[in-house]
Amino acid sequence: MEIVKAEFVVSNAKVEKCPQSNRHEYAFIGRSNVGKSSLINMLTNNKKLAKTAVKPGKTQLINHFLINDSWYMVDLPGYGYARTSQNSRLQFEKMIRDYILKRENLVCLFVLVDSRLEPQKIDLEFMEWLGENGVPFVMIFTKADKLTTTQRLKCIDEYHKIMLNTWETTPLSFMTSSEKRLGREELLDYIDELNRTVVI
């Protein structure tokens, strides 16, 4: 699949105000500064579509982008950013939780994980929560250009080993690099397949 058109639709803080739920929707989430906005920009061939920042915590709302006039990409706020007040963190958590659990047309949640780091407790706990709530998700390992092929395989293997302690099988995963455009074709092909096979 090729993306020929991508446009910003709306930003809001409540799932009730999201666009009408009559199109396939794919949301991107992960710890702050993991590269959500950069990945969306890489996938859409538009460096200015989703706002990126050096400092974490830039995305603070649910941001909808209409792709090819037919389906949505969603940039969600990052979780685990320590330099916000407890009240702000709780508000973010409620907004994210409400969106994930209530958005009926959410086909798949892409959970972004920094491939350079050892498995993080906050990521593992978040994915455990998704599993407990039956939310379909896929793991996206980011910043893979910083690793060798051996290191990439080791990163995925480490996550799988830990997750198999509580999971029967581990989720599908993709290795990506926004800088090198690694994984773009594979990820878009996966979305295209879901668009064709999943009925909403």
C-alpha atoms as a PDB file:
ATOM      1  CA  MET A   1       0.000   0.000   0.000  1.00  0.00           C
ATOM      2  CA  GLU A   2       1.144   3.530  -0.710  1.00  0.00           C
ATOM      3  CA  ILE A   3      -0.091   6.601   1.142  1.00  0.00           C
ATOM      4  CA  VAL A   4      -0.917   9.338  -1.357  1.00  0.00           C
ATOM      5  CA  LYS A   5      -2.884  11.625   0.935  1.00  0.00           C
ATOM      6  CA  ALA A   6      -2.608  12.336   4.658  1.00  0.00           C
ATOM      7  CA  GLU A   7      -4.316  15.195   6.412  1.00  0.00           C
ATOM      8  CA  PHE A   8      -4.803  16.335   9.983  1.00  0.00           C
ATOM      9  CA  VAL A   9      -8.430  16.119  11.096  1.00  0.00           C
ATOM     10  CA  VAL A  10      -8.785  16.988  14.783  1.00  0.00           C
ATOM     11  CA  SER A  11      -7.130  17.029  18.214  1.00  0.00           C
ATOM     12  CA  ASN A  12      -9.137  16.509  21.370  1.00  0.00           C
ATOM     13  CA  ALA A  13      -9.000  15.182  24.908  1.00  0.00           C
ATOM     14  CA  LYS A  14     -12.162  13.068  24.927  1.00  0.00           C
ATOM     15  CA  VAL A  15     -12.987   9.912  23.019  1.00  0.00           C
ATOM     16  CA  GLU A  16     -16.573  11.136  22.641  1.00  0.00           C
ATOM     17  CA  LYS A  17     -15.296  13.989  20.459  1.00  0.00           C
ATOM     18  CA  CYS A  18     -13.292  11.778  18.105  1.00  0.00           C
ATOM     19  CA  PRO A  19     -14.433  11.567  14.458  1.00  0.00           C
ATOM     20  CA  GLN A  20     -17.366   9.316  13.641  1.00  0.00           C
ATOM     21  CA  SER A  21     -16.320   5.688  14.147  1.00  0.00           C
ATOM     22  CA  ASN A  22     -17.116   4.477  10.636  1.00  0.00           C
ATOM     23  CA  ARG A  23     -13.546   4.008   9.330  1.00  0.00           C
ATOM     24  CA  HIS A  24     -10.710   1.639  10.207  1.00  0.00           C
ATOM     25  CA  GLU A  25      -8.449   3.218  12.803  1.00  0.00           C
ATOM     26  CA  TYR A  26      -4.860   2.523  13.933  1.00  0.00           C
ATOM     27  CA  ALA A  27      -3.352   4.246  16.955  1.00  0.00           C
ATOM     28  CA  PHE A  28       0.284   4.695  17.944  1.00  0.00           C
ATOM     29  CA  ILE A  29       1.322   4.768  21.581  1.00  0.00           C
ATOM     30  CA  GLY A  30       4.427   4.315  23.716  1.00  0.00           C
ATOM     31  CA  ARG A  31       6.579   5.978  26.314  1.00  0.00           C
ATOM     32  CA  SER A  32       7.258   9.680  25.804  1.00  0.00           C
ATOM     33  CA  ASN A  33       9.964  10.354  23.219  1.00  0.00           C
ATOM     34  CA  VAL A  34       9.872   6.826  21.759  1.00  0.00           C
ATOM     35  CA  GLY A  35       9.248   8.207  18.270  1.00  0.00           C
ATOM     36  CA  LYS A  36       5.488   8.030  17.650  1.00  0.00           C
ATOM     37  CA  SER A  37       5.181  11.255  15.680  1.00  0.00           C
ATOM     38  CA  SER A  38       8.362  10.544  13.707  1.00  0.00           C
ATOM     39  CA  LEU A  39       7.055   7.111  12.729  1.00  0.00           C
ATOM     40  CA  ILE A  40       3.726   8.540  11.559  1.00  0.00           C
ATOM     41  CA  ASN A  41       5.563  11.154   9.500  1.00  0.00           C
ATOM     42  CA  MET A  42       7.790   8.485   7.961  1.00  0.00           C
ATOM     43  CA  LEU A  43       4.851   6.235   7.083  1.00  0.00           C
ATOM     44  CA  THR A  44       2.943   9.094   5.461  1.00  0.00           C
ATOM     45  CA  ASN A  45       5.950  10.668   3.698  1.00  0.00           C
ATOM     46  CA  ASN A  46       5.131  13.961   5.412  1.00  0.00           C
ATOM     47  CA  LYS A  47       7.699  15.329   7.857  1.00  0.00           C
ATOM     48  CA  LYS A  48       5.318  18.019   9.080  1.00  0.00           C
ATOM     49  CA  LEU A  49       2.138  15.966   9.591  1.00  0.00           C
ATOM     50  CA  ALA A  50       2.594  14.980  13.248  1.00  0.00           C
ATOM     51  CA  LYS A  51       4.438  17.424  15.489  1.00  0.00           C
ATOM     52  CA  THR A  52       7.773  16.137  16.759  1.00  0.00           C
ATOM     53  CA  ALA A  53       9.934  17.561  19.516  1.00  0.00           C
ATOM     54  CA  VAL A  54      13.285  16.954  21.184  1.00  0.00           C
ATOM     55  CA  LYS A  55      11.678  17.231  24.613  1.00  0.00           C
ATOM     56  CA  PRO A  56       9.285  14.410  25.573  1.00  0.00           C
ATOM     57  CA  GLY A  57       5.632  15.061  26.331  1.00  0.00           C
ATOM     58  CA  LYS A  58       4.874  17.120  23.196  1.00  0.00           C
ATOM     59  CA  THR A  59       1.776  15.121  22.237  1.00  0.00           C
ATOM     60  CA  GLN A  60      -0.882  15.808  24.852  1.00  0.00           C
ATOM     61  CA  LEU A  61      -4.083  15.167  22.902  1.00  0.00           C
ATOM     62  CA  ILE A  62      -5.640  12.469  20.722  1.00  0.00           C
ATOM     63  CA  ASN A  63      -4.603  13.486  17.189  1.00  0.00           C
ATOM     64  CA  HIS A  64      -6.497  12.077  14.198  1.00  0.00           C
ATOM     65  CA  PHE A  65      -5.097  11.961  10.659  1.00  0.00           C
ATOM     66  CA  LEU A  66      -7.188  10.842   7.680  1.00  0.00           C
ATOM     67  CA  ILE A  67      -5.220   8.616   5.307  1.00  0.00           C
ATOM     68  CA  ASN A  68      -6.101   8.215   1.616  1.00  0.00           C
ATOM     69  CA  ASP A  69      -9.585   9.526   2.455  1.00  0.00           C
ATOM     70  CA  SER A  70     -10.435   6.097   3.841  1.00  0.00           C
ATOM     71  CA  TRP A  71      -8.883   5.289   7.258  1.00  0.00           C
ATOM     72  CA  TYR A  72      -7.367   6.965  10.316  1.00  0.00           C
ATOM     73  CA  MET A  73      -3.977   7.075  11.967  1.00  0.00           C
ATOM     74  CA  VAL A  74      -4.008   8.328  15.548  1.00  0.00           C
ATOM     75  CA  ASP A  75      -1.115   9.835  17.497  1.00  0.00           C
ATOM     76  CA  LEU A  76      -1.736   9.285  21.218  1.00  0.00           C
ATOM     77  CA  PRO A  77       0.030  10.977  24.157  1.00  0.00           C
ATOM     78  CA  GLY A  78       3.071   9.160  25.482  1.00  0.00           C
ATOM     79  CA  TYR A  79       2.901   7.472  28.840  1.00  0.00           C
ATOM     80  CA  GLY A  80       5.403   7.528  31.681  1.00  0.00           C
ATOM     81  CA  TYR A  81       6.660  11.118  31.319  1.00  0.00           C
ATOM     82  CA  ALA A  82       7.850  12.012  34.824  1.00  0.00           C
ATOM     83  CA  ARG A  83       8.121  15.792  34.395  1.00  0.00           C
ATOM     84  CA  THR A  84       4.413  16.447  34.531  1.00  0.00           C
ATOM     85  CA  SER A  85       2.285  16.897  37.605  1.00  0.00           C
ATOM     86  CA  GLN A  86       0.557  13.885  39.080  1.00  0.00           C
ATOM     87  CA  ASN A  87      -2.785  15.440  38.161  1.00  0.00           C
ATOM     88  CA  SER A  88      -1.703  15.828  34.515  1.00  0.00           C
ATOM     89  CA  ARG A  89      -0.452  12.240  34.394  1.00  0.00           C
ATOM     90  CA  LEU A  90      -3.753  10.968  35.767  1.00  0.00           C
ATOM     91  CA  GLN A  91      -5.651  12.994  33.160  1.00  0.00           C
ATOM     92  CA  PHE A  92      -3.460  11.592  30.371  1.00  0.00           C
ATOM     93  CA  GLU A  93      -3.930   8.061  31.674  1.00  0.00           C
ATOM     94  CA  LYS A  94      -7.723   8.448  31.784  1.00  0.00           C
ATOM     95  CA  MET A  95      -7.796   9.933  28.281  1.00  0.00           C
ATOM     96  CA  ILE A  96      -5.667   7.085  26.893  1.00  0.00           C
ATOM     97  CA  ARG A  97      -7.591   4.395  28.783  1.00  0.00           C
ATOM     98  CA  ASP A  98     -10.970   5.748  27.666  1.00  0.00           C
ATOM     99  CA  TYR A  99      -9.838   5.949  24.045  1.00  0.00           C
ATOM    100  CA  ILE A 100      -8.388   2.426  23.962  1.00  0.00           C
ATOM    101  CA  LEU A 101     -11.348   0.765  25.663  1.00  0.00           C
ATOM    102  CA  LYS A 102     -14.183   2.760  24.103  1.00  0.00           C
ATOM    103  CA  ARG A 103     -13.114   3.434  20.523  1.00  0.00           C
ATOM    104  CA  GLU A 104     -15.155   0.828  18.640  1.00  0.00           C
ATOM    105  CA  ASN A 105     -13.395   1.172  15.275  1.00  0.00           C
ATOM    106  CA  LEU A 106      -9.861   0.797  16.685  1.00  0.00           C
ATOM    107  CA  VAL A 107      -8.547  -2.114  14.625  1.00  0.00           C
ATOM    108  CA  CYS A 108      -5.058  -2.297  16.111  1.00  0.00           C
ATOM    109  CA  LEU A 109      -2.944  -0.441  18.639  1.00  0.00           C
ATOM    110  CA  PHE A 110       0.729  -0.091  17.722  1.00  0.00           C
ATOM    111  CA  VAL A 111       2.803  -0.103  20.906  1.00  0.00           C
ATOM    112  CA  LEU A 112       6.156   1.542  20.261  1.00  0.00           C
ATOM    113  CA  VAL A 113       9.209   0.335  22.180  1.00  0.00           C
ATOM    114  CA  ASP A 114      12.737   1.801  22.055  1.00  0.00           C
ATOM    115  CA  SER A 115      14.861  -1.024  20.645  1.00  0.00           C
ATOM    116  CA  ARG A 116      18.032   0.376  22.252  1.00  0.00           C
ATOM    117  CA  LEU A 117      16.805  -0.261  25.785  1.00  0.00           C
ATOM    118  CA  GLU A 118      16.406  -3.466  27.753  1.00  0.00           C
ATOM    119  CA  PRO A 119      12.745  -4.425  28.356  1.00  0.00           C
ATOM    120  CA  GLN A 120      11.132  -1.661  30.384  1.00  0.00           C
ATOM    121  CA  LYS A 121       8.732  -2.433  33.214  1.00  0.00           C
ATOM    122  CA  ILE A 122       6.305   0.288  32.179  1.00  0.00           C
ATOM    123  CA  ASP A 123       6.046  -1.109  28.616  1.00  0.00           C
ATOM    124  CA  LEU A 124       5.594  -4.679  29.833  1.00  0.00           C
ATOM    125  CA  GLU A 125       2.900  -3.645  32.334  1.00  0.00           C
ATOM    126  CA  PHE A 126       1.060  -1.606  29.696  1.00  0.00           C
ATOM    127  CA  MET A 127       1.003  -4.517  27.255  1.00  0.00           C
ATOM    128  CA  GLU A 128      -0.118  -6.830  30.062  1.00  0.00           C
ATOM    129  CA  TRP A 129      -3.055  -4.462  30.660  1.00  0.00           C
ATOM    130  CA  LEU A 130      -3.902  -4.527  26.949  1.00  0.00           C
ATOM    131  CA  GLY A 131      -3.903  -8.319  27.020  1.00  0.00           C
ATOM    132  CA  GLU A 132      -6.128  -8.428  30.083  1.00  0.00           C
ATOM    133  CA  ASN A 133      -8.617  -6.148  28.332  1.00  0.00           C
ATOM    134  CA  GLY A 134      -8.540  -7.974  25.005  1.00  0.00           C
ATOM    135  CA  VAL A 135      -7.145  -5.024  23.055  1.00  0.00           C
ATOM    136  CA  PRO A 136      -5.516  -6.099  19.745  1.00  0.00           C
ATOM    137  CA  PHE A 137      -1.988  -4.720  19.530  1.00  0.00           C
ATOM    138  CA  VAL A 138       1.321  -5.101  17.751  1.00  0.00           C
ATOM    139  CA  MET A 139       4.798  -4.213  19.015  1.00  0.00           C
ATOM    140  CA  ILE A 140       6.820  -1.676  17.029  1.00  0.00           C
ATOM    141  CA  PHE A 141      10.517  -1.530  17.885  1.00  0.00           C
ATOM    142  CA  THR A 142      11.813   1.966  17.033  1.00  0.00           C
ATOM    143  CA  LYS A 143      15.264   3.475  16.352  1.00  0.00           C
ATOM    144  CA  ALA A 144      16.572   0.203  14.927  1.00  0.00           C
ATOM    145  CA  ASP A 145      19.176   2.047  12.844  1.00  0.00           C
ATOM    146  CA  LYS A 146      21.162   2.435  16.065  1.00  0.00           C
ATOM    147  CA  LEU A 147      21.573  -1.364  16.339  1.00  0.00           C
ATOM    148  CA  THR A 148      23.306  -4.136  14.451  1.00  0.00           C
ATOM    149  CA  THR A 149      21.229  -7.014  13.063  1.00  0.00           C
ATOM    150  CA  THR A 150      22.382  -9.213  15.963  1.00  0.00           C
ATOM    151  CA  GLN A 151      21.379  -6.567  18.510  1.00  0.00           C
ATOM    152  CA  ARG A 152      17.951  -6.220  16.895  1.00  0.00           C
ATOM    153  CA  LEU A 153      17.288  -9.944  17.167  1.00  0.00           C
ATOM    154  CA  LYS A 154      18.509  -9.955  20.772  1.00  0.00           C
ATOM    155  CA  CYS A 155      16.155  -7.083  21.638  1.00  0.00           C
ATOM    156  CA  ILE A 156      13.099  -8.920  20.290  1.00  0.00           C
ATOM    157  CA  ASP A 157      14.210 -12.170  21.918  1.00  0.00           C
ATOM    158  CA  GLU A 158      14.560 -10.529  25.336  1.00  0.00           C
ATOM    159  CA  TYR A 159      11.009  -9.196  25.193  1.00  0.00           C
ATOM    160  CA  HIS A 160       9.641 -12.534  24.026  1.00  0.00           C
ATOM    161  CA  LYS A 161      11.379 -14.420  26.835  1.00  0.00           C
ATOM    162  CA  ILE A 162       9.908 -12.151  29.511  1.00  0.00           C
ATOM    163  CA  MET A 163       6.422 -12.028  27.988  1.00  0.00           C
ATOM    164  CA  LEU A 164       6.186 -15.798  27.614  1.00  0.00           C
ATOM    165  CA  ASN A 165       6.229 -16.021  31.416  1.00  0.00           C
ATOM    166  CA  THR A 166       2.645 -14.761  31.390  1.00  0.00           C
ATOM    167  CA  TRP A 167       1.551 -14.974  27.719  1.00  0.00           C
ATOM    168  CA  GLU A 168       0.728 -18.104  25.729  1.00  0.00           C
ATOM    169  CA  THR A 169       2.154 -16.468  22.609  1.00  0.00           C
ATOM    170  CA  THR A 170       3.851 -13.140  22.017  1.00  0.00           C
ATOM    171  CA  PRO A 171       2.353 -10.423  19.794  1.00  0.00           C
ATOM    172  CA  LEU A 172       3.447  -9.726  16.258  1.00  0.00           C
ATOM    173  CA  SER A 173       6.328  -7.257  16.079  1.00  0.00           C
ATOM    174  CA  PHE A 174       7.990  -4.967  13.536  1.00  0.00           C
ATOM    175  CA  MET A 175      11.467  -3.435  13.584  1.00  0.00           C
ATOM    176  CA  THR A 176      11.507   0.179  12.371  1.00  0.00           C
ATOM    177  CA  SER A 177      13.671   3.243  11.899  1.00  0.00           C
ATOM    178  CA  SER A 178      12.094   6.568  10.978  1.00  0.00           C
ATOM    179  CA  GLU A 179      15.508   7.890   9.963  1.00  0.00           C
ATOM    180  CA  LYS A 180      16.313   5.015   7.589  1.00  0.00           C
ATOM    181  CA  ARG A 181      12.664   4.294   6.673  1.00  0.00           C
ATOM    182  CA  LEU A 182      13.144   0.737   7.875  1.00  0.00           C
ATOM    183  CA  GLY A 183       9.957  -1.328   8.218  1.00  0.00           C
ATOM    184  CA  ARG A 184       7.767   1.142   6.325  1.00  0.00           C
ATOM    185  CA  GLU A 185       6.639  -1.212   3.576  1.00  0.00           C
ATOM    186  CA  GLU A 186       6.013  -4.122   5.964  1.00  0.00           C
ATOM    187  CA  LEU A 187       3.946  -2.003   8.347  1.00  0.00           C
ATOM    188  CA  LEU A 188       1.835  -0.430   5.613  1.00  0.00           C
ATOM    189  CA  ASP A 189       1.237  -3.836   4.031  1.00  0.00           C
ATOM    190  CA  TYR A 190       0.038  -5.119   7.410  1.00  0.00           C
ATOM    191  CA  ILE A 191      -2.394  -2.199   7.760  1.00  0.00           C
ATOM    192  CA  ASP A 192      -3.594  -2.757   4.195  1.00  0.00           C
ATOM    193  CA  GLU A 193      -4.313  -6.397   4.994  1.00  0.00           C
ATOM    194  CA  LEU A 194      -6.319  -5.445   8.079  1.00  0.00           C
ATOM    195  CA  ASN A 195      -8.247  -2.825   6.111  1.00  0.00           C
ATOM    196  CA  ARG A 196      -9.275  -5.547   3.659  1.00  0.00           C
ATOM    197  CA  THR A 197     -10.095  -8.281   6.182  1.00  0.00           C
ATOM    198  CA  VAL A 198     -11.414  -6.616   9.340  1.00  0.00           C
ATOM    199  CA  VAL A 199     -15.050  -5.534   9.303  1.00  0.00           C
ATOM    200  CA  ILE A 200     -15.989  -2.596  11.515  1.00  0.00           C
END
